[in-house]
Amino acid sequence: MNSWTDEKQANKLQKRVDRRQDNQIVKEGKEIGQDKLDNYEDKTTKLQARKDQAQLDSDNAAKSELAKIQAENERLKKKYEV
């Protein structure tokens, strides 16, 4: 997929984490065993970490792209200075 980016991945994972947190509240009301709740929370924490990493990668890619554009602009300014 050419259009899939780290930013889209971060947004997708954030929605998933939000849904899991909502579901955890429901599960706690159903008196499910603490072990299952702990496992559920652990997986949600791992998803949150993946989301944070995807967001960081997206931010780094944007900064890198901006640096490339600025360098190209400076190069062109020097080239066309009279």
Protein backbone atom coordinates (compact mmCIF):
# COMPACT_ATOMS: atom_id res chain seq x y z
CA MET A 1 0.00 0.00 0.00
CA ASN A 2 1.57 3.20 -1.13
CA SER A 3 -0.79 5.41 0.83
CA TRP A 4 -0.30 3.68 4.22
CA THR A 5 1.73 5.87 6.55
CA ASP A 6 2.91 5.84 10.14
CA GLU A 7 0.40 8.58 10.89
CA LYS A 8 -2.48 6.45 9.63
CA GLN A 9 -1.14 3.51 11.63
CA ALA A 10 -1.00 5.65 14.77
CA ASN A 11 -4.59 6.82 14.25
CA LYS A 12 -5.79 3.25 13.67
CA LEU A 13 -4.06 2.00 16.80
CA GLN A 14 -5.41 4.91 18.87
CA LYS A 15 -8.96 3.99 17.87
CA ARG A 16 -8.24 0.37 18.78
CA VAL A 17 -6.84 1.36 22.19
CA ASP A 18 -9.89 3.55 22.84
CA ARG A 19 -12.26 0.68 22.00
CA ARG A 20 -10.30 -1.71 24.21
CA GLN A 21 -10.44 0.72 27.13
CA ASP A 22 -14.21 1.05 26.69
CA ASN A 23 -14.56 -2.74 26.53
CA GLN A 24 -12.43 -3.15 29.65
CA ILE A 25 -14.92 -1.06 31.63
CA VAL A 26 -17.71 -3.38 30.45
CA LYS A 27 -15.65 -6.46 31.30
CA GLU A 28 -14.96 -5.16 34.80
CA GLY A 29 -18.71 -4.84 35.34
CA LYS A 30 -19.24 -8.47 34.35
CA GLU A 31 -17.02 -9.79 37.14
CA ILE A 32 -14.55 -11.52 34.84
CA GLY A 33 -11.50 -13.06 36.53
CA GLN A 34 -8.66 -10.71 37.43
CA ASP A 35 -6.16 -12.74 35.37
CA LYS A 36 -8.18 -12.15 32.20
CA LEU A 37 -8.51 -8.47 33.00
CA ASP A 38 -4.76 -8.20 33.58
CA ASN A 39 -4.02 -9.93 30.25
CA TYR A 40 -6.47 -7.62 28.50
CA GLU A 41 -4.82 -4.57 30.05
CA ASP A 42 -1.34 -5.84 29.13
CA LYS A 43 -2.31 -6.19 25.48
CA THR A 44 -3.86 -2.72 25.52
CA THR A 45 -0.60 -1.35 26.95
CA LYS A 46 1.37 -3.03 24.16
CA LEU A 47 -0.96 -1.52 21.56
CA GLN A 48 -0.46 1.89 23.15
CA ALA A 49 3.31 1.45 22.85
CA ARG A 50 2.98 0.50 19.17
CA LYS A 51 0.81 3.58 18.61
CA ASP A 52 3.37 5.80 20.31
CA GLN A 53 6.17 4.35 18.16
CA ALA A 54 4.16 4.85 14.97
CA GLN A 55 3.47 8.46 15.97
CA LEU A 56 7.16 9.02 16.68
CA ASP A 57 8.11 7.49 13.32
CA SER A 58 5.56 9.72 11.60
CA ASP A 59 6.94 12.82 13.31
CA ASN A 60 10.52 11.85 12.40
CA ALA A 61 9.56 11.24 8.77
CA ALA A 62 7.86 14.64 8.59
CA LYS A 63 10.91 16.37 10.06
CA SER A 64 13.19 14.52 7.65
CA GLU A 65 11.03 15.48 4.68
CA LEU A 66 10.96 19.11 5.82
CA ALA A 67 14.76 19.13 6.14
CA LYS A 68 15.09 17.75 2.59
CA ILE A 69 12.77 20.43 1.22
CA GLN A 70 14.61 23.20 3.05
CA ALA A 71 17.97 21.95 1.77
CA GLU A 72 16.63 21.83 -1.78
CA ASN A 73 15.26 25.38 -1.43
CA GLU A 74 18.64 26.64 -0.22
CA ARG A 75 20.38 24.87 -3.09
CA LEU A 76 18.05 26.46 -5.63
CA LYS A 77 18.43 29.92 -4.05
CA LYS A 78 22.21 29.67 -4.41
CA LYS A 79 21.91 28.37 -7.95
CA TYR A 80 19.72 31.21 -9.15
CA GLU A 81 21.32 34.08 -7.24
CA VAL A 82 22.68 36.70 -9.54
